[in-house]
PDB file of N, CA and C in Angstrom:
ATOM      1  N   MET A   1      39.629  42.772  74.609  1.00  0.00           N
ATOM      2  CA  MET A   1      40.055  43.764  74.060  1.00  0.00           C
ATOM      3  C   MET A   1      41.689  43.922  74.709  1.00  0.00           C
ATOM      4  N   GLY A   2      42.566  44.066  73.873  1.00  0.00           N
ATOM      5  CA  GLY A   2      43.994  44.015  74.314  1.00  0.00           C
ATOM      6  C   GLY A   2      44.454  45.309  73.414  1.00  0.00           C
ATOM      7  N   HIS A   3      45.722  45.679  73.574  1.00  0.00           N
ATOM      8  CA  HIS A   3      46.597  46.868  73.072  1.00  0.00           C
ATOM      9  C   HIS A   3      47.856  46.331  72.456  1.00  0.00           C
ATOM     10  N   ASP A   4      48.306  46.947  71.810  1.00  0.00           N
ATOM     11  CA  ASP A   4      49.680  46.909  71.142  1.00  0.00           C
ATOM     12  C   ASP A   4      49.984  45.592  70.062  1.00  0.00           C
ATOM     13  N   ASP A   5      48.578  45.172  69.652  1.00  0.00           N
ATOM     14  CA  ASP A   5      48.547  44.005  68.968  1.00  0.00           C
ATOM     15  C   ASP A   5      49.825  42.779  69.033  1.00  0.00           C
ATOM     16  N   HIS A   6      49.783  42.285  70.253  1.00  0.00           N
ATOM     17  CA  HIS A   6      50.699  41.235  70.636  1.00  0.00           C
ATOM     18  C   HIS A   6      50.384  40.316  69.526  1.00  0.00           C
ATOM     19  N   PRO A   7      51.581  39.461  69.148  1.00  0.00           N
ATOM     20  CA  PRO A   7      51.409  38.273  68.098  1.00  0.00           C
ATOM     21  C   PRO A   7      50.431  37.273  68.729  1.00  0.00           C
ATOM     22  N   LEU A   8      50.484  36.953  70.122  1.00  0.00           N
ATOM     23  CA  LEU A   8      49.810  35.982  70.518  1.00  0.00           C
ATOM     24  C   LEU A   8      48.028  36.186  70.494  1.00  0.00           C
ATOM     25  N   SER A   9      47.866  37.357  70.336  1.00  0.00           N
ATOM     26  CA  SER A   9      46.447  37.979  70.056  1.00  0.00           C
ATOM     27  C   SER A   9      45.549  37.046  68.914  1.00  0.00           C
ATOM     28  N   GLY A  10      46.239  36.977  67.712  1.00  0.00           N
ATOM     29  CA  GLY A  10      45.589  36.212  66.899  1.00  0.00           C
ATOM     30  C   GLY A  10      45.647  34.751  66.845  1.00  0.00           C
ATOM     31  N   LEU A  11      46.353  34.228  67.897  1.00  0.00           N
ATOM     32  CA  LEU A  11      46.590  32.927  68.164  1.00  0.00           C
ATOM     33  C   LEU A  11      45.478  32.176  69.202  1.00  0.00           C
ATOM     34  N   LEU A  12      44.866  33.012  69.637  1.00  0.00           N
ATOM     35  CA  LEU A  12      43.958  32.746  70.749  1.00  0.00           C
ATOM     36  C   LEU A  12      42.548  32.036  69.835  1.00  0.00           C
ATOM     37  N   THR A  13      41.858  31.560  70.787  1.00  0.00           N
ATOM     38  CA  THR A  13      40.528  31.066  70.126  1.00  0.00           C
ATOM     39  C   THR A  13      39.636  31.569  71.089  1.00  0.00           C
ATOM     40  N   PRO A  14      38.608  32.431  70.892  1.00  0.00           N
ATOM     41  CA  PRO A  14      38.693  33.206  69.564  1.00  0.00           C
ATOM     42  C   PRO A  14      39.865  34.210  69.499  1.00  0.00           C
ATOM     43  N   GLY A  15      40.267  34.569  68.268  1.00  0.00           N
ATOM     44  CA  GLY A  15      41.261  35.614  68.340  1.00  0.00           C
ATOM     45  C   GLY A  15      40.937  36.933  69.068  1.00  0.00           C
ATOM     46  N   LEU A  16      42.060  37.611  69.827  1.00  0.00           N
ATOM     47  CA  LEU A  16      41.844  38.771  70.622  1.00  0.00           C
ATOM     48  C   LEU A  16      41.621  40.150  69.749  1.00  0.00           C
ATOM     49  N   THR A  17      40.827  40.801  69.934  1.00  0.00           N
ATOM     50  CA  THR A  17      40.636  42.160  69.150  1.00  0.00           C
ATOM     51  C   THR A  17      41.725  42.973  69.923  1.00  0.00           C
ATOM     52  N   THR A  18      42.447  43.882  69.282  1.00  0.00           N
ATOM     53  CA  THR A  18      43.484  44.604  69.921  1.00  0.00           C
ATOM     54  C   THR A  18      43.394  46.029  69.129  1.00  0.00           C
ATOM     55  N   VAL A  19      44.019  46.754  69.717  1.00  0.00           N
ATOM     56  CA  VAL A  19      44.463  48.295  69.176  1.00  0.00           C
ATOM     57  C   VAL A  19      45.903  48.199  68.948  1.00  0.00           C
ATOM     58  N   ASP A  20      46.187  48.503  67.630  1.00  0.00           N
ATOM     59  CA  ASP A  20      47.807  48.659  67.198  1.00  0.00           C
ATOM     60  C   ASP A  20      48.148  50.109  67.318  1.00  0.00           C
ATOM     61  N   TRP A  21      49.052  50.472  68.218  1.00  0.00           N
ATOM     62  CA  TRP A  21      49.589  51.964  68.219  1.00  0.00           C
ATOM     63  C   TRP A  21      50.601  52.256  67.411  1.00  0.00           C
ATOM     64  N   ASP A  22      51.315  51.275  66.577  1.00  0.00           N
ATOM     65  CA  ASP A  22      52.263  51.461  65.567  1.00  0.00           C
ATOM     66  C   ASP A  22      53.489  52.033  66.595  1.00  0.00           C
ATOM     67  N   ILE A  23      54.146  51.287  67.377  1.00  0.00           N
ATOM     68  CA  ILE A  23      55.007  52.045  68.221  1.00  0.00           C
ATOM     69  C   ILE A  23      56.253  52.314  67.312  1.00  0.00           C
ATOM     70  N   ASP A  24      56.515  51.722  66.380  1.00  0.00           N
ATOM     71  CA  ASP A  24      57.727  52.151  65.605  1.00  0.00           C
ATOM     72  C   ASP A  24      57.414  53.446  64.869  1.00  0.00           C
ATOM     73  N   GLY A  25      56.272  53.640  64.468  1.00  0.00           N
ATOM     74  CA  GLY A  25      55.933  54.872  63.793  1.00  0.00           C
ATOM     75  C   GLY A  25      56.050  56.228  64.946  1.00  0.00           C
ATOM     76  N   ILE A  26      55.713  55.934  66.198  1.00  0.00           N
ATOM     77  CA  ILE A  26      55.552  56.745  67.244  1.00  0.00           C
ATOM     78  C   ILE A  26      57.059  57.043  67.596  1.00  0.00           C
ATOM     79  N   VAL A  27      57.984  56.228  67.644  1.00  0.00           N
ATOM     80  CA  VAL A  27      59.321  56.156  67.685  1.00  0.00           C
ATOM     81  C   VAL A  27      60.193  57.185  66.555  1.00  0.00           C
ATOM     82  N   ARG A  28      59.591  56.932  65.424  1.00  0.00           N
ATOM     83  CA  ARG A  28      60.333  57.523  64.255  1.00  0.00           C
ATOM     84  C   ARG A  28      59.681  58.970  64.380  1.00  0.00           C
ATOM     85  N   ALA A  29      58.656  59.409  64.962  1.00  0.00           N
ATOM     86  CA  ALA A  29      58.165  60.679  64.818  1.00  0.00           C
ATOM     87  C   ALA A  29      58.707  61.446  66.163  1.00  0.00           C
ATOM     88  N   ALA A  30      58.924  60.763  67.165  1.00  0.00           N
ATOM     89  CA  ALA A  30      59.582  61.557  68.240  1.00  0.00           C
ATOM     90  C   ALA A  30      61.228  61.722  67.779  1.00  0.00           C
ATOM     91  N   VAL A  31      61.787  60.994  67.185  1.00  0.00           N
ATOM     92  CA  VAL A  31      63.283  61.117  66.531  1.00  0.00           C
ATOM     93  C   VAL A  31      63.193  62.219  65.999  1.00  0.00           C
ATOM     94  N   ARG A  32      62.374  62.400  64.617  1.00  0.00           N
ATOM     95  CA  ARG A  32      62.304  63.613  63.977  1.00  0.00           C
ATOM     96  C   ARG A  32      61.844  64.941  64.735  1.00  0.00           C
ATOM     97  N   LEU A  33      61.140  64.613  65.748  1.00  0.00           N
ATOM     98  CA  LEU A  33      60.845  66.111  66.493  1.00  0.00           C
ATOM     99  C   LEU A  33      61.901  66.530  67.238  1.00  0.00           C
ATOM    100  N   MET A  34      62.598  65.443  67.874  1.00  0.00           N
ATOM    101  CA  MET A  34      63.737  65.809  68.963  1.00  0.00           C
ATOM    102  C   MET A  34      64.932  66.515  67.755  1.00  0.00           C
ATOM    103  N   SER A  35      64.985  65.955  66.697  1.00  0.00           N
ATOM    104  CA  SER A  35      66.053  66.329  65.671  1.00  0.00           C
ATOM    105  C   SER A  35      65.859  67.752  65.317  1.00  0.00           C
ATOM    106  N   ALA A  36      64.505  67.992  65.147  1.00  0.00           N
ATOM    107  CA  ALA A  36      64.199  69.338  64.582  1.00  0.00           C
ATOM    108  C   ALA A  36      64.460  70.337  65.415  1.00  0.00           C
ATOM    109  N   ALA A  37      64.028  70.025  66.618  1.00  0.00           N
ATOM    110  CA  ALA A  37      64.050  70.827  68.020  1.00  0.00           C
ATOM    111  C   ALA A  37      65.497  71.196  68.331  1.00  0.00           C
ATOM    112  N   ALA A  38      66.431  70.360  68.077  1.00  0.00           N
ATOM    113  CA  ALA A  38      67.984  70.689  68.228  1.00  0.00           C
ATOM    114  C   ALA A  38      68.359  71.432  67.140  1.00  0.00           C
ATOM    115  N   ASP A  39      67.690  71.437  66.233  1.00  0.00           N
ATOM    116  CA  ASP A  39      68.286  72.385  65.177  1.00  0.00           C
ATOM    117  C   ASP A  39      67.500  73.765  65.172  1.00  0.00           C
ATOM    118  N   GLY A  40      66.794  73.910  66.061  1.00  0.00           N
ATOM    119  CA  GLY A  40      66.027  75.188  66.248  1.00  0.00           C
ATOM    120  C   GLY A  40      64.776  75.176  65.696  1.00  0.00           C
ATOM    121  N   GLY A  41      64.347  74.223  65.242  1.00  0.00           N
ATOM    122  CA  GLY A  41      62.902  74.220  64.685  1.00  0.00           C
ATOM    123  C   GLY A  41      61.635  74.436  65.496  1.00  0.00           C
ATOM    124  N   ALA A  42      60.585  74.692  64.885  1.00  0.00           N
ATOM    125  CA  ALA A  42      59.295  74.764  65.754  1.00  0.00           C
ATOM    126  C   ALA A  42      58.972  73.737  66.353  1.00  0.00           C
ATOM    127  N   ARG A  43      58.385  73.773  67.503  1.00  0.00           N
ATOM    128  CA  ARG A  43      57.666  72.805  68.289  1.00  0.00           C
ATOM    129  C   ARG A  43      56.269  72.437  67.379  1.00  0.00           C
ATOM    130  N   ARG A  44      55.931  71.283  67.329  1.00  0.00           N
ATOM    131  CA  ARG A  44      54.738  70.768  66.700  1.00  0.00           C
ATOM    132  C   ARG A  44      54.200  69.692  67.378  1.00  0.00           C
ATOM    133  N   ARG A  45      52.874  69.332  67.196  1.00  0.00           N
ATOM    134  CA  ARG A  45      52.323  68.018  67.545  1.00  0.00           C
ATOM    135  C   ARG A  45      51.932  67.220  66.321  1.00  0.00           C
ATOM    136  N   VAL A  46      52.399  65.676  66.766  1.00  0.00           N
ATOM    137  CA  VAL A  46      51.988  64.655  65.903  1.00  0.00           C
ATOM    138  C   VAL A  46      51.039  63.873  66.566  1.00  0.00           C
ATOM    139  N   VAL A  47      50.027  63.526  65.822  1.00  0.00           N
ATOM    140  CA  VAL A  47      48.826  62.578  66.127  1.00  0.00           C
ATOM    141  C   VAL A  47      48.984  61.300  65.467  1.00  0.00           C
ATOM    142  N   GLN A  48      49.352  60.189  66.206  1.00  0.00           N
ATOM    143  CA  GLN A  48      49.606  58.825  65.871  1.00  0.00           C
ATOM    144  C   GLN A  48      48.117  58.092  65.628  1.00  0.00           C
ATOM    145  N   GLN A  49      47.496  57.916  64.321  1.00  0.00           N
ATOM    146  CA  GLN A  49      46.255  56.899  64.459  1.00  0.00           C
ATOM    147  C   GLN A  49      46.484  55.797  64.778  1.00  0.00           C
ATOM    148  N   PRO A  50      45.919  55.232  65.770  1.00  0.00           N
ATOM    149  CA  PRO A  50      45.792  53.701  66.048  1.00  0.00           C
ATOM    150  C   PRO A  50      44.873  52.945  65.238  1.00  0.00           C
ATOM    151  N   THR A  51      45.231  51.648  64.919  1.00  0.00           N
ATOM    152  CA  THR A  51      44.579  50.730  64.036  1.00  0.00           C
ATOM    153  C   THR A  51      43.838  49.668  64.929  1.00  0.00           C
ATOM    154  N   LEU A  52      42.585  49.628  64.539  1.00  0.00           N
ATOM    155  CA  LEU A  52      41.843  48.448  65.588  1.00  0.00           C
ATOM    156  C   LEU A  52      41.859  47.154  64.704  1.00  0.00           C
ATOM    157  N   ARG A  53      42.418  46.135  65.417  1.00  0.00           N
ATOM    158  CA  ARG A  53      42.591  44.927  64.681  1.00  0.00           C
ATOM    159  C   ARG A  53      41.514  43.906  65.235  1.00  0.00           C
ATOM    160  N   ALA A  54      40.208  43.895  64.644  1.00  0.00           N
ATOM    161  CA  ALA A  54      39.027  43.047  65.233  1.00  0.00           C
ATOM    162  C   ALA A  54      39.308  41.648  64.745  1.00  0.00           C
ATOM    163  N   ARG A  55      39.170  41.069  65.824  1.00  0.00           N
ATOM    164  CA  ARG A  55      39.161  39.569  65.736  1.00  0.00           C
ATOM    165  C   ARG A  55      38.199  38.908  66.112  1.00  0.00           C
ATOM    166  N   GLY A  56      38.005  37.484  66.237  1.00  0.00           N
ATOM    167  CA  GLY A  56      36.754  36.844  66.976  1.00  0.00           C
ATOM    168  C   GLY A  56      36.165  37.233  68.210  1.00  0.00           C
ATOM    169  N   SER A  57      37.079  37.968  68.933  1.00  0.00           N
ATOM    170  CA  SER A  57      36.256  38.155  70.287  1.00  0.00           C
ATOM    171  C   SER A  57      35.426  39.407  70.325  1.00  0.00           C
ATOM    172  N   VAL A  58      35.133  39.973  69.187  1.00  0.00           N
ATOM    173  CA  VAL A  58      33.971  41.036  69.063  1.00  0.00           C
ATOM    174  C   VAL A  58      33.113  40.316  67.967  1.00  0.00           C
ATOM    175  N   GLY A  59      31.948  41.002  68.068  1.00  0.00           N
ATOM    176  CA  GLY A  59      30.803  40.539  67.051  1.00  0.00           C
ATOM    177  C   GLY A  59      29.739  41.557  67.189  1.00  0.00           C
ATOM    178  N   ARG A  60      28.673  41.275  66.407  1.00  0.00           N
ATOM    179  CA  ARG A  60      27.637  42.339  66.256  1.00  0.00           C
ATOM    180  C   ARG A  60      26.643  41.794  67.688  1.00  0.00           C
ATOM    181  N   LEU A  61      25.990  42.856  68.162  1.00  0.00           N
ATOM    182  CA  LEU A  61      25.099  43.096  69.225  1.00  0.00           C
ATOM    183  C   LEU A  61      23.688  42.413  68.666  1.00  0.00           C
ATOM    184  N   PRO A  62      23.198  41.477  69.647  1.00  0.00           N
ATOM    185  CA  PRO A  62      21.872  40.861  68.973  1.00  0.00           C
ATOM    186  C   PRO A  62      20.832  42.121  69.029  1.00  0.00           C
ATOM    187  N   THR A  63      19.995  41.982  67.960  1.00  0.00           N
ATOM    188  CA  THR A  63      18.974  43.030  67.712  1.00  0.00           C
ATOM    189  C   THR A  63      17.570  42.587  68.409  1.00  0.00           C
TER     190      THR A  63
END
């Protein structure tokens, strides 16, 4: 299991399952919040939903 969906994760055999945190989206949200705070806007909380990139390193458990 990895994090940040590094490009090499999909090239491994089997492919490494990772969690993608959408760093660009987090940065955009942080800039918007900082800009709003500088303009006297209310403080708020932003929750960034991660995305699971399931690859060959995970599978079903045997029953």
